Each structure stands twice: as structure tokens, then as C-alpha cells.
């Protein structure tokens, strides 16, 4: 079977224009599951590489191994919230959702177990939408310019996505998430249906 994927990344020198749908030169391959304005940029914290080097001994893990556009030397998913806005280079971006891995991550790592291991690790990284296009480059600071008042961490929305049951605090967190303008409609539909279905 032949699979088309853009998960294999290489470092880029110089400045690159970040546009509403992607970075110049990095078009998404399968728009049925990837891409679109809510997934214009995939970010992955550099700190997670130490975890994966321990879990995947002997495997080379150069930056970009998880298909990220930006490898970030900065906050983890617990400190990044849905709807938080940042400047990077000349661009402005907003956090939209965590990454839910697909089978192509398994292909990238030659392991059918990698998708489950990635999700179980809660080291998902997160996606950005582009509010203002502009040039970006290696070494640019990702600087906060606005924190979403609902304060739902990326790590929390991932946990709530997977959870089989909700308690009262979980329900309140989901309702806060539903108020985040940047959360894509597909996620809002998922959580609205889950609230109506789960015992709370």
C-alpha cells in the first residue's frame, strides 16, 4: 500500500512565510485528516525528546521526528491553553487543539503501538491557527500576547477527550472549553455529544 504523508520534516534555514493554511513549502498531504486553518502549524516541545529517547532506546530522534513544524524550547501542554495567542516572528497565532495521532505516526516509527503510546504519554503537542500571516525563522521567540480567560490547558482537553466518565469538575472544564472561540467546531460537537452521553 502506498501512503502519502508530510510527517517527515527537515530543518529550514532562513525566513519562511507562515500562511493561514501552512508554512510555505510544507503543504499537508492528506487534507481529510490533516491541515486546514485550525491545524496550520504543529508545535512539539523539545523537552519531550528526552522522554522518547528513554522509551525508544537506540532510535535516532532528530528534531522534527514527530512531524512538528515548530520544535519549541518552552512551556509544556500543562501551561498552554486553548485560545492563547502568541506572536512568532512577524506572525500572530492562536492555540486551537492538541494533536490526536493517526496511523501515519506508526508508519514513521515502524510500530503499530506508537499511536497508542503517543496518546497515553499525554505528550501530544498542539496545533496553531494563523491570525496574522508573516515570516518566521529558527530562533524566533514565541511570545504570549493574550491568554484565553477560560484557561483550559491543552493537557486537560486531551485528558477529557479520552476520559470514560466525567465528574463535576470535568463537566465544568468541558463547559469552559466549549466557550473557547478558537476550539474547532468538530471538537465542540464531540464534547457536546459526550456531555449528553456520559454519566456525570
N, C-alpha and C. Protein backbone atom coordinates (compact mmCIF):
# COMPACT_ATOMS: atom_id res chain seq x y z
N UNK A 1 0.85 -1.18 0.00
CA UNK A 1 0.00 0.00 0.00
C UNK A 1 0.89 1.24 0.00
N UNK A 2 0.52 2.22 -0.78
CA UNK A 2 1.27 3.47 -0.84
C UNK A 2 0.56 4.52 0.01
N UNK A 3 1.33 5.22 0.85
CA UNK A 3 0.77 6.23 1.75
C UNK A 3 1.44 7.56 1.45
N UNK A 4 0.62 8.59 1.31
CA UNK A 4 1.14 9.94 1.13
C UNK A 4 1.14 10.64 2.48
N UNK A 5 2.30 11.18 2.86
CA UNK A 5 2.40 11.82 4.16
C UNK A 5 3.39 12.97 4.12
N UNK A 6 3.19 13.93 5.01
CA UNK A 6 4.14 15.04 5.18
C UNK A 6 4.78 15.00 6.56
N UNK A 7 4.77 13.83 7.21
CA UNK A 7 5.26 13.74 8.58
C UNK A 7 6.78 13.84 8.65
N UNK A 8 7.46 13.56 7.55
CA UNK A 8 8.93 13.63 7.55
C UNK A 8 9.35 15.08 7.34
N UNK A 9 10.02 15.66 8.33
CA UNK A 9 10.40 17.08 8.29
C UNK A 9 11.91 17.24 8.28
N UNK A 10 12.36 18.31 7.67
CA UNK A 10 13.77 18.69 7.66
C UNK A 10 13.89 20.14 8.12
N UNK A 11 14.97 20.49 8.82
CA UNK A 11 15.16 21.88 9.24
C UNK A 11 15.26 22.81 8.02
N UNK A 12 14.79 24.03 8.20
CA UNK A 12 14.82 25.02 7.13
C UNK A 12 15.65 26.21 7.60
N UNK A 13 16.54 26.67 6.72
CA UNK A 13 17.34 27.85 7.05
C UNK A 13 16.65 29.10 6.53
N UNK A 14 16.91 30.21 7.19
CA UNK A 14 16.36 31.48 6.74
C UNK A 14 14.92 31.67 7.17
N UNK A 15 14.27 32.65 6.59
CA UNK A 15 12.90 33.00 6.93
C UNK A 15 11.92 32.28 6.01
N UNK A 16 10.78 31.89 6.57
CA UNK A 16 9.72 31.22 5.82
C UNK A 16 8.41 31.93 6.13
N UNK A 17 7.56 32.08 5.14
CA UNK A 17 6.28 32.75 5.37
C UNK A 17 5.27 31.77 5.94
N UNK A 18 4.72 32.15 7.08
CA UNK A 18 3.65 31.37 7.71
C UNK A 18 2.32 31.93 7.21
N UNK A 19 1.55 31.07 6.55
CA UNK A 19 0.29 31.50 5.95
C UNK A 19 -0.88 30.86 6.70
N UNK A 20 -2.08 31.23 6.32
CA UNK A 20 -3.30 30.77 7.01
C UNK A 20 -3.43 29.25 7.03
N UNK A 21 -2.92 28.58 5.99
CA UNK A 21 -3.10 27.13 5.90
C UNK A 21 -1.84 26.34 6.20
N UNK A 22 -0.67 26.95 6.14
CA UNK A 22 0.57 26.22 6.40
C UNK A 22 1.77 27.14 6.20
N UNK A 23 2.94 26.57 6.41
CA UNK A 23 4.19 27.25 6.09
C UNK A 23 4.51 27.05 4.62
N UNK A 24 5.05 28.07 3.99
CA UNK A 24 5.47 27.91 2.60
C UNK A 24 6.41 26.72 2.48
N UNK A 25 6.13 25.84 1.52
CA UNK A 25 6.98 24.67 1.30
C UNK A 25 6.62 23.47 2.14
N UNK A 26 5.52 23.53 2.88
CA UNK A 26 5.15 22.41 3.76
C UNK A 26 3.65 22.14 3.68
N UNK A 27 3.19 21.88 2.49
CA UNK A 27 1.76 21.61 2.28
C UNK A 27 1.37 20.27 2.92
N UNK A 28 0.19 20.23 3.57
CA UNK A 28 -0.31 18.97 4.13
C UNK A 28 -0.69 18.02 3.01
N UNK A 29 -0.41 16.74 3.22
CA UNK A 29 -0.61 15.76 2.15
C UNK A 29 -2.02 15.19 2.09
N UNK A 30 -2.65 15.02 3.25
CA UNK A 30 -3.97 14.38 3.31
C UNK A 30 -4.91 15.29 4.06
N UNK A 31 -5.64 16.12 3.33
CA UNK A 31 -6.49 17.13 3.97
C UNK A 31 -7.76 16.55 4.58
N UNK A 32 -7.99 15.24 4.41
CA UNK A 32 -9.16 14.63 5.06
C UNK A 32 -8.93 14.50 6.56
N UNK A 33 -7.68 14.41 6.99
CA UNK A 33 -7.40 14.26 8.42
C UNK A 33 -6.41 15.29 8.94
N UNK A 34 -5.73 16.00 8.06
CA UNK A 34 -4.74 16.98 8.48
C UNK A 34 -5.01 18.31 7.80
N UNK A 35 -4.39 19.33 8.36
CA UNK A 35 -4.41 20.62 7.69
C UNK A 35 -5.68 21.41 7.93
N UNK A 36 -5.87 22.42 7.09
CA UNK A 36 -6.95 23.35 7.30
C UNK A 36 -6.50 24.46 8.24
N UNK A 37 -7.32 25.47 8.37
CA UNK A 37 -6.91 26.65 9.14
C UNK A 37 -6.69 26.37 10.62
N UNK A 38 -7.36 25.36 11.19
CA UNK A 38 -7.20 25.07 12.60
C UNK A 38 -5.95 24.25 12.91
N UNK A 39 -5.29 23.74 11.87
CA UNK A 39 -4.07 22.94 12.05
C UNK A 39 -2.96 23.46 11.14
N UNK A 40 -2.85 24.76 11.05
CA UNK A 40 -1.85 25.34 10.15
C UNK A 40 -0.43 25.03 10.60
N UNK A 41 -0.21 24.96 11.92
CA UNK A 41 1.12 24.74 12.47
C UNK A 41 1.02 23.72 13.59
N UNK A 42 1.92 22.73 13.55
CA UNK A 42 2.00 21.77 14.64
C UNK A 42 3.25 22.05 15.46
N UNK A 43 3.06 22.21 16.77
CA UNK A 43 4.15 22.52 17.70
C UNK A 43 4.41 21.33 18.63
N UNK A 44 5.69 21.06 18.88
CA UNK A 44 6.04 19.98 19.80
C UNK A 44 7.17 20.45 20.71
N UNK A 45 7.00 20.33 22.04
CA UNK A 45 8.04 20.78 22.97
C UNK A 45 9.31 19.94 22.85
N UNK A 46 10.44 20.62 22.78
CA UNK A 46 11.73 19.94 22.69
C UNK A 46 11.99 19.07 23.92
N UNK A 47 11.44 19.47 25.07
CA UNK A 47 11.67 18.73 26.31
C UNK A 47 11.17 17.28 26.22
N UNK A 48 10.20 17.02 25.37
CA UNK A 48 9.65 15.66 25.27
C UNK A 48 10.63 14.68 24.62
N UNK A 49 11.62 15.20 23.93
CA UNK A 49 12.55 14.30 23.24
C UNK A 49 13.34 13.44 24.21
N UNK A 50 13.65 13.93 25.40
CA UNK A 50 14.36 13.12 26.39
C UNK A 50 13.50 11.93 26.82
N UNK A 51 12.21 12.17 27.01
CA UNK A 51 11.28 11.09 27.37
C UNK A 51 11.30 10.00 26.29
N UNK A 52 11.18 10.43 25.03
CA UNK A 52 11.10 9.45 23.95
C UNK A 52 12.43 8.74 23.71
N UNK A 53 13.54 9.41 23.96
CA UNK A 53 14.84 8.74 23.82
C UNK A 53 14.96 7.62 24.83
N UNK A 54 14.38 7.81 26.03
CA UNK A 54 14.39 6.75 27.03
C UNK A 54 13.44 5.62 26.67
N UNK A 55 12.30 5.97 26.07
CA UNK A 55 11.31 4.96 25.71
C UNK A 55 11.65 4.22 24.42
N UNK A 56 12.45 4.85 23.57
CA UNK A 56 12.79 4.27 22.26
C UNK A 56 14.31 4.18 22.14
N UNK A 57 14.96 3.37 23.00
CA UNK A 57 16.42 3.32 23.01
C UNK A 57 16.97 2.85 21.66
N UNK A 58 18.08 3.47 21.27
CA UNK A 58 18.72 3.09 20.02
C UNK A 58 18.18 3.78 18.79
N UNK A 59 17.08 4.48 18.92
CA UNK A 59 16.50 5.16 17.76
C UNK A 59 16.98 6.60 17.71
N UNK A 60 17.41 7.01 16.54
CA UNK A 60 17.78 8.41 16.36
C UNK A 60 16.52 9.26 16.32
N UNK A 61 16.54 10.35 17.05
CA UNK A 61 15.37 11.24 17.12
C UNK A 61 15.80 12.68 16.89
N UNK A 62 16.11 13.02 15.64
CA UNK A 62 16.42 14.43 15.36
C UNK A 62 15.16 15.28 15.54
N UNK A 63 15.35 16.56 15.83
CA UNK A 63 14.20 17.45 15.97
C UNK A 63 13.36 17.40 14.70
N UNK A 64 12.06 17.36 14.89
CA UNK A 64 11.14 17.21 13.76
C UNK A 64 10.65 15.79 13.59
N UNK A 65 11.12 14.87 14.44
CA UNK A 65 10.77 13.45 14.29
C UNK A 65 9.28 13.18 14.44
N UNK A 66 8.56 14.06 15.13
CA UNK A 66 7.13 13.82 15.35
C UNK A 66 6.27 14.59 14.35
N UNK A 67 6.92 15.10 13.33
CA UNK A 67 6.18 15.78 12.26
C UNK A 67 5.86 17.22 12.57
N UNK A 68 6.48 17.76 13.63
CA UNK A 68 6.16 19.14 14.02
C UNK A 68 6.77 20.15 13.06
N UNK A 69 6.07 21.26 12.92
CA UNK A 69 6.60 22.40 12.18
C UNK A 69 7.53 23.23 13.06
N UNK A 70 7.13 23.40 14.34
CA UNK A 70 7.93 24.15 15.31
C UNK A 70 8.28 23.22 16.45
N UNK A 71 9.60 23.05 16.71
CA UNK A 71 10.05 22.38 17.93
C UNK A 71 10.33 23.49 18.93
N UNK A 72 9.56 23.50 20.02
CA UNK A 72 9.58 24.65 20.94
C UNK A 72 10.43 24.39 22.18
N UNK A 73 11.28 25.35 22.48
CA UNK A 73 12.02 25.34 23.73
C UNK A 73 11.23 26.23 24.68
N UNK A 74 10.19 25.65 25.27
CA UNK A 74 9.31 26.48 26.08
C UNK A 74 8.30 25.66 26.86
N UNK A 75 7.16 26.27 27.20
CA UNK A 75 6.18 25.63 28.07
C UNK A 75 5.61 24.33 27.49
N UNK A 76 5.19 23.46 28.40
CA UNK A 76 4.58 22.20 28.03
C UNK A 76 3.06 22.35 27.95
N UNK A 77 2.40 21.26 27.60
CA UNK A 77 0.95 21.28 27.38
C UNK A 77 0.15 21.71 28.61
N UNK A 78 0.72 21.49 29.79
CA UNK A 78 0.02 21.88 31.02
C UNK A 78 -0.06 23.40 31.17
N UNK A 79 0.84 24.12 30.52
CA UNK A 79 0.92 25.57 30.68
C UNK A 79 0.41 26.35 29.47
N UNK A 80 0.03 25.63 28.42
CA UNK A 80 -0.50 26.25 27.21
C UNK A 80 -2.00 26.00 27.18
N UNK A 81 -2.78 27.04 26.95
CA UNK A 81 -4.24 26.92 26.99
C UNK A 81 -4.86 27.09 25.61
N UNK A 82 -5.96 26.40 25.41
CA UNK A 82 -6.76 26.63 24.20
C UNK A 82 -7.10 28.11 24.13
N UNK A 83 -6.90 28.70 22.97
CA UNK A 83 -7.26 30.10 22.79
C UNK A 83 -6.17 31.09 23.14
N UNK A 84 -5.06 30.62 23.72
CA UNK A 84 -3.94 31.53 23.99
C UNK A 84 -3.37 32.03 22.67
N UNK A 85 -3.01 33.30 22.65
CA UNK A 85 -2.46 33.92 21.43
C UNK A 85 -0.98 34.25 21.64
N UNK A 86 -0.21 34.08 20.56
CA UNK A 86 1.23 34.31 20.61
C UNK A 86 1.67 35.05 19.35
N UNK A 87 2.76 35.78 19.49
CA UNK A 87 3.45 36.30 18.31
C UNK A 87 4.66 35.42 18.09
N UNK A 88 4.98 35.17 16.83
CA UNK A 88 6.20 34.44 16.46
C UNK A 88 6.69 35.08 15.17
N UNK A 89 7.90 35.63 15.22
CA UNK A 89 8.37 36.40 14.08
C UNK A 89 7.40 37.53 13.80
N UNK A 90 7.00 37.65 12.54
CA UNK A 90 6.05 38.68 12.14
C UNK A 90 4.60 38.19 12.17
N UNK A 91 4.40 36.95 12.58
CA UNK A 91 3.07 36.34 12.56
C UNK A 91 2.42 36.36 13.94
N UNK A 92 1.10 36.16 13.93
CA UNK A 92 0.34 36.00 15.17
C UNK A 92 -0.47 34.73 15.06
N UNK A 93 -0.47 33.93 16.13
CA UNK A 93 -1.10 32.61 16.10
C UNK A 93 -1.95 32.40 17.35
N UNK A 94 -2.83 31.38 17.29
CA UNK A 94 -3.68 31.04 18.43
C UNK A 94 -3.72 29.52 18.57
N UNK A 95 -3.70 29.04 19.82
CA UNK A 95 -3.74 27.59 20.10
C UNK A 95 -5.16 27.09 19.88
N UNK A 96 -5.30 26.01 19.09
CA UNK A 96 -6.63 25.50 18.76
C UNK A 96 -6.95 24.14 19.38
N UNK A 97 -5.97 23.24 19.47
CA UNK A 97 -6.29 21.87 19.90
C UNK A 97 -5.00 21.07 20.09
N UNK A 98 -5.08 19.96 20.86
CA UNK A 98 -3.94 19.05 20.93
C UNK A 98 -3.89 18.19 19.67
N UNK A 99 -2.79 17.52 19.49
CA UNK A 99 -2.69 16.58 18.38
C UNK A 99 -3.26 15.24 18.79
N UNK A 100 -4.11 14.69 17.96
CA UNK A 100 -4.56 13.31 18.10
C UNK A 100 -3.85 12.52 17.00
N UNK A 101 -2.95 11.63 17.36
CA UNK A 101 -2.11 10.97 16.35
C UNK A 101 -2.91 10.02 15.46
N UNK A 102 -2.50 9.93 14.20
CA UNK A 102 -3.11 8.98 13.28
C UNK A 102 -2.10 7.88 12.96
N UNK A 103 -2.51 6.94 12.14
CA UNK A 103 -1.69 5.76 11.85
C UNK A 103 -0.35 6.13 11.21
N UNK A 104 -0.25 7.32 10.64
CA UNK A 104 1.00 7.70 9.97
C UNK A 104 2.14 7.88 10.97
N UNK A 105 1.80 8.18 12.23
CA UNK A 105 2.85 8.21 13.25
C UNK A 105 3.43 6.81 13.44
N UNK A 106 2.57 5.81 13.37
CA UNK A 106 3.04 4.42 13.44
C UNK A 106 3.95 4.07 12.28
N UNK A 107 3.60 4.55 11.09
CA UNK A 107 4.45 4.32 9.92
C UNK A 107 5.80 5.00 10.12
N UNK A 108 5.77 6.22 10.62
CA UNK A 108 7.01 6.99 10.83
C UNK A 108 7.95 6.26 11.77
N UNK A 109 7.40 5.57 12.79
CA UNK A 109 8.22 4.91 13.79
C UNK A 109 8.27 3.39 13.62
N UNK A 110 7.72 2.90 12.51
CA UNK A 110 7.73 1.45 12.24
C UNK A 110 7.16 0.65 13.40
N UNK A 111 6.05 1.15 13.97
CA UNK A 111 5.46 0.49 15.13
C UNK A 111 3.96 0.71 15.16
N UNK A 112 3.20 -0.37 15.18
CA UNK A 112 1.75 -0.27 15.31
C UNK A 112 1.33 0.26 16.67
N UNK A 113 2.22 0.18 17.65
CA UNK A 113 1.91 0.60 19.01
C UNK A 113 2.16 2.09 19.25
N UNK A 114 2.81 2.75 18.30
CA UNK A 114 3.27 4.12 18.56
C UNK A 114 2.12 5.10 18.73
N UNK A 115 1.03 4.93 18.01
CA UNK A 115 -0.10 5.85 18.14
C UNK A 115 -0.65 5.81 19.56
N UNK A 116 -0.86 4.61 20.08
CA UNK A 116 -1.38 4.46 21.44
C UNK A 116 -0.36 4.97 22.46
N UNK A 117 0.91 4.65 22.28
CA UNK A 117 1.93 5.10 23.22
C UNK A 117 2.02 6.63 23.25
N UNK A 118 1.90 7.24 22.09
CA UNK A 118 1.97 8.70 21.99
C UNK A 118 0.81 9.33 22.74
N UNK A 119 -0.39 8.83 22.52
CA UNK A 119 -1.56 9.39 23.18
C UNK A 119 -1.51 9.12 24.69
N UNK A 120 -1.13 7.92 25.09
CA UNK A 120 -1.03 7.58 26.50
C UNK A 120 0.01 8.43 27.23
N UNK A 121 1.03 8.86 26.52
CA UNK A 121 2.09 9.67 27.14
C UNK A 121 1.61 11.07 27.50
N UNK A 122 0.53 11.50 26.88
CA UNK A 122 -0.03 12.85 27.02
C UNK A 122 0.94 13.93 26.51
N UNK A 123 1.99 13.50 25.85
CA UNK A 123 2.94 14.44 25.24
C UNK A 123 2.51 14.66 23.79
N UNK A 124 1.43 15.38 23.62
CA UNK A 124 0.77 15.46 22.31
C UNK A 124 1.25 16.62 21.46
N UNK A 125 1.80 17.66 22.08
CA UNK A 125 2.00 18.89 21.34
C UNK A 125 0.64 19.53 21.06
N UNK A 126 0.64 20.56 20.21
CA UNK A 126 -0.62 21.26 19.95
C UNK A 126 -0.55 21.98 18.61
N UNK A 127 -1.73 22.30 18.10
CA UNK A 127 -1.86 22.99 16.82
C UNK A 127 -2.15 24.48 17.02
N UNK A 128 -1.74 25.24 16.02
CA UNK A 128 -2.00 26.67 15.98
C UNK A 128 -2.77 27.03 14.71
N UNK A 129 -3.65 28.00 14.84
CA UNK A 129 -4.22 28.69 13.68
C UNK A 129 -3.49 30.01 13.52
N UNK A 130 -3.43 30.51 12.30
CA UNK A 130 -2.71 31.75 12.00
C UNK A 130 -3.70 32.91 11.94
N UNK A 131 -3.51 33.85 12.84
CA UNK A 131 -4.36 35.04 12.88
C UNK A 131 -3.80 36.15 11.98
N UNK A 132 -2.47 36.23 11.90
CA UNK A 132 -1.82 37.19 11.02
C UNK A 132 -0.64 36.50 10.36
N UNK A 133 -0.61 36.49 9.04
CA UNK A 133 0.49 35.88 8.31
C UNK A 133 1.76 36.71 8.48
N UNK A 134 2.91 36.04 8.36
CA UNK A 134 4.18 36.74 8.46
C UNK A 134 5.34 35.77 8.37
N UNK A 135 6.54 36.32 8.24
CA UNK A 135 7.74 35.50 8.15
C UNK A 135 8.18 35.03 9.53
N UNK A 136 8.65 33.76 9.60
CA UNK A 136 9.15 33.17 10.84
C UNK A 136 10.48 32.48 10.53
N UNK A 137 11.24 32.23 11.58
CA UNK A 137 12.53 31.56 11.39
C UNK A 137 13.03 30.95 12.67
N UNK A 138 14.03 30.07 12.54
CA UNK A 138 14.64 29.42 13.70
C UNK A 138 15.14 30.47 14.68
N UNK A 139 14.84 30.27 15.95
CA UNK A 139 15.29 31.19 16.98
C UNK A 139 14.28 32.26 17.34
N UNK A 140 13.20 32.39 16.56
CA UNK A 140 12.17 33.37 16.89
C UNK A 140 11.54 33.03 18.24
N UNK A 141 11.27 34.06 19.03
CA UNK A 141 10.58 33.86 20.30
C UNK A 141 9.08 33.67 20.04
N UNK A 142 8.50 32.71 20.72
CA UNK A 142 7.05 32.54 20.71
C UNK A 142 6.55 33.25 21.96
N UNK A 143 6.11 34.49 21.78
CA UNK A 143 5.82 35.37 22.91
C UNK A 143 4.32 35.50 23.14
N UNK A 144 3.84 35.28 24.37
CA UNK A 144 2.41 35.41 24.66
C UNK A 144 1.93 36.84 24.49
N UNK A 145 0.78 36.99 23.83
CA UNK A 145 0.19 38.32 23.68
C UNK A 145 -1.25 38.37 24.17
N UNK A 146 -1.81 37.21 24.53
CA UNK A 146 -3.16 37.17 25.05
C UNK A 146 -3.50 35.80 25.58
N UNK A 147 -3.93 35.70 26.84
CA UNK A 147 -4.28 34.41 27.44
C UNK A 147 -5.80 34.27 27.45
N UNK A 148 -6.29 33.12 27.04
CA UNK A 148 -7.73 32.91 27.00
C UNK A 148 -8.30 32.87 28.42
N UNK A 149 -9.38 33.60 28.69
CA UNK A 149 -9.93 33.67 30.06
C UNK A 149 -10.50 32.35 30.58
N UNK A 150 -10.80 31.42 29.67
CA UNK A 150 -11.35 30.13 30.12
C UNK A 150 -10.29 29.21 30.71
N UNK A 151 -9.02 29.46 30.36
CA UNK A 151 -7.87 28.79 30.97
C UNK A 151 -7.98 27.27 30.98
N UNK A 152 -8.24 26.67 29.81
CA UNK A 152 -8.28 25.21 29.69
C UNK A 152 -6.96 24.74 29.07
N UNK A 153 -6.10 24.08 29.87
CA UNK A 153 -4.81 23.63 29.33
C UNK A 153 -4.99 22.59 28.23
N UNK A 154 -4.03 22.56 27.32
CA UNK A 154 -4.03 21.54 26.26
C UNK A 154 -4.03 20.15 26.87
N UNK A 155 -3.26 19.95 27.93
CA UNK A 155 -3.20 18.64 28.58
C UNK A 155 -4.55 18.22 29.14
N UNK A 156 -5.31 19.19 29.64
CA UNK A 156 -6.62 18.90 30.23
C UNK A 156 -7.63 18.49 29.17
N UNK A 157 -7.61 19.17 28.03
CA UNK A 157 -8.58 18.82 26.98
C UNK A 157 -8.27 17.44 26.41
N UNK A 158 -6.98 17.08 26.39
CA UNK A 158 -6.61 15.73 25.95
C UNK A 158 -7.15 14.69 26.93
N UNK A 159 -6.97 14.95 28.22
CA UNK A 159 -7.48 14.02 29.24
C UNK A 159 -8.99 13.87 29.15
N UNK A 160 -9.68 14.97 28.96
CA UNK A 160 -11.14 14.95 28.88
C UNK A 160 -11.62 14.25 27.61
N UNK A 161 -10.84 14.34 26.56
CA UNK A 161 -11.18 13.66 25.31
C UNK A 161 -11.17 12.14 25.51
N UNK A 162 -10.21 11.66 26.29
CA UNK A 162 -10.03 10.22 26.48
C UNK A 162 -10.91 9.66 27.60
N UNK A 163 -11.26 10.49 28.59
CA UNK A 163 -11.95 10.02 29.79
C UNK A 163 -13.24 9.26 29.49
N UNK A 164 -13.47 8.19 30.23
CA UNK A 164 -14.68 7.37 30.06
C UNK A 164 -15.86 7.94 30.83
N UNK A 165 -15.58 8.60 31.94
CA UNK A 165 -16.63 9.20 32.76
C UNK A 165 -16.18 10.59 33.18
N UNK A 166 -17.14 11.45 33.48
CA UNK A 166 -16.85 12.79 33.96
C UNK A 166 -17.41 12.98 35.36
N UNK A 167 -16.62 13.63 36.19
CA UNK A 167 -17.12 14.13 37.46
C UNK A 167 -17.58 15.57 37.28
N UNK A 168 -17.97 16.19 38.37
CA UNK A 168 -18.48 17.56 38.29
C UNK A 168 -17.43 18.53 37.76
N UNK A 169 -16.19 18.42 38.25
CA UNK A 169 -15.12 19.32 37.80
C UNK A 169 -14.81 19.11 36.32
N UNK A 170 -14.88 17.86 35.88
CA UNK A 170 -14.66 17.58 34.46
C UNK A 170 -15.71 18.26 33.60
N UNK A 171 -16.96 18.17 34.04
CA UNK A 171 -18.06 18.79 33.29
C UNK A 171 -17.87 20.30 33.20
N UNK A 172 -17.44 20.91 34.31
CA UNK A 172 -17.20 22.35 34.31
C UNK A 172 -16.07 22.72 33.36
N UNK A 173 -15.02 21.89 33.33
CA UNK A 173 -13.88 22.15 32.45
C UNK A 173 -14.31 22.06 30.98
N UNK A 174 -15.14 21.06 30.67
CA UNK A 174 -15.62 20.92 29.29
C UNK A 174 -16.47 22.12 28.91
N UNK A 175 -17.30 22.57 29.82
CA UNK A 175 -18.14 23.74 29.50
C UNK A 175 -17.30 24.99 29.29
N UNK A 176 -16.20 25.11 30.03
CA UNK A 176 -15.28 26.22 29.77
C UNK A 176 -14.65 26.08 28.39
N UNK A 177 -14.27 24.87 28.04
CA UNK A 177 -13.66 24.63 26.73
C UNK A 177 -14.62 24.99 25.60
N UNK A 178 -15.89 24.70 25.79
CA UNK A 178 -16.88 25.00 24.76
C UNK A 178 -17.03 26.50 24.55
N UNK A 179 -16.58 27.29 25.52
CA UNK A 179 -16.63 28.75 25.39
C UNK A 179 -15.41 29.34 24.68
N UNK A 180 -14.41 28.49 24.39
CA UNK A 180 -13.19 28.97 23.74
C UNK A 180 -13.45 29.13 22.25
N UNK A 181 -13.38 30.35 21.78
CA UNK A 181 -13.68 30.63 20.37
C UNK A 181 -12.77 29.86 19.43
N UNK A 182 -11.51 29.66 19.81
CA UNK A 182 -10.54 29.03 18.91
C UNK A 182 -10.71 27.51 18.81
N UNK A 183 -11.44 26.89 19.74
CA UNK A 183 -11.64 25.44 19.68
C UNK A 183 -12.46 25.10 18.45
N UNK A 184 -11.95 24.24 17.57
CA UNK A 184 -12.66 23.93 16.32
C UNK A 184 -14.05 23.34 16.56
N UNK A 185 -14.93 23.56 15.61
CA UNK A 185 -16.32 23.11 15.75
C UNK A 185 -16.41 21.59 15.90
N UNK A 186 -15.51 20.84 15.27
CA UNK A 186 -15.55 19.38 15.39
C UNK A 186 -15.30 18.95 16.84
N UNK A 187 -14.41 19.64 17.54
CA UNK A 187 -14.16 19.34 18.95
C UNK A 187 -15.36 19.73 19.80
N UNK A 188 -15.95 20.87 19.49
CA UNK A 188 -17.12 21.29 20.27
C UNK A 188 -18.26 20.29 20.11
N UNK A 189 -18.49 19.82 18.89
CA UNK A 189 -19.53 18.82 18.65
C UNK A 189 -19.24 17.55 19.44
N UNK A 190 -17.98 17.11 19.41
CA UNK A 190 -17.58 15.90 20.14
C UNK A 190 -17.91 16.03 21.63
N UNK A 191 -17.52 17.16 22.22
CA UNK A 191 -17.73 17.32 23.66
C UNK A 191 -19.20 17.55 24.02
N UNK A 192 -19.95 18.22 23.17
CA UNK A 192 -21.38 18.38 23.42
C UNK A 192 -22.07 17.02 23.42
N UNK A 193 -21.70 16.17 22.47
CA UNK A 193 -22.28 14.83 22.42
C UNK A 193 -21.83 13.98 23.61
N UNK A 194 -20.58 14.15 24.01
CA UNK A 194 -20.06 13.38 25.14
C UNK A 194 -20.74 13.79 26.44
N UNK A 195 -20.98 15.08 26.61
CA UNK A 195 -21.67 15.54 27.81
C UNK A 195 -23.06 14.94 27.91
N UNK A 196 -23.74 14.85 26.78
CA UNK A 196 -25.10 14.31 26.79
C UNK A 196 -25.13 12.81 27.00
N UNK A 197 -24.00 12.15 26.72
CA UNK A 197 -23.94 10.69 26.76
C UNK A 197 -23.39 10.15 28.06
N UNK A 198 -22.43 10.87 28.65
CA UNK A 198 -21.74 10.34 29.82
C UNK A 198 -22.53 10.54 31.11
N UNK A 199 -22.34 9.63 32.03
CA UNK A 199 -22.90 9.79 33.37
C UNK A 199 -22.00 10.74 34.13
N UNK A 200 -22.59 11.78 34.71
CA UNK A 200 -21.80 12.77 35.44
C UNK A 200 -22.25 12.82 36.90
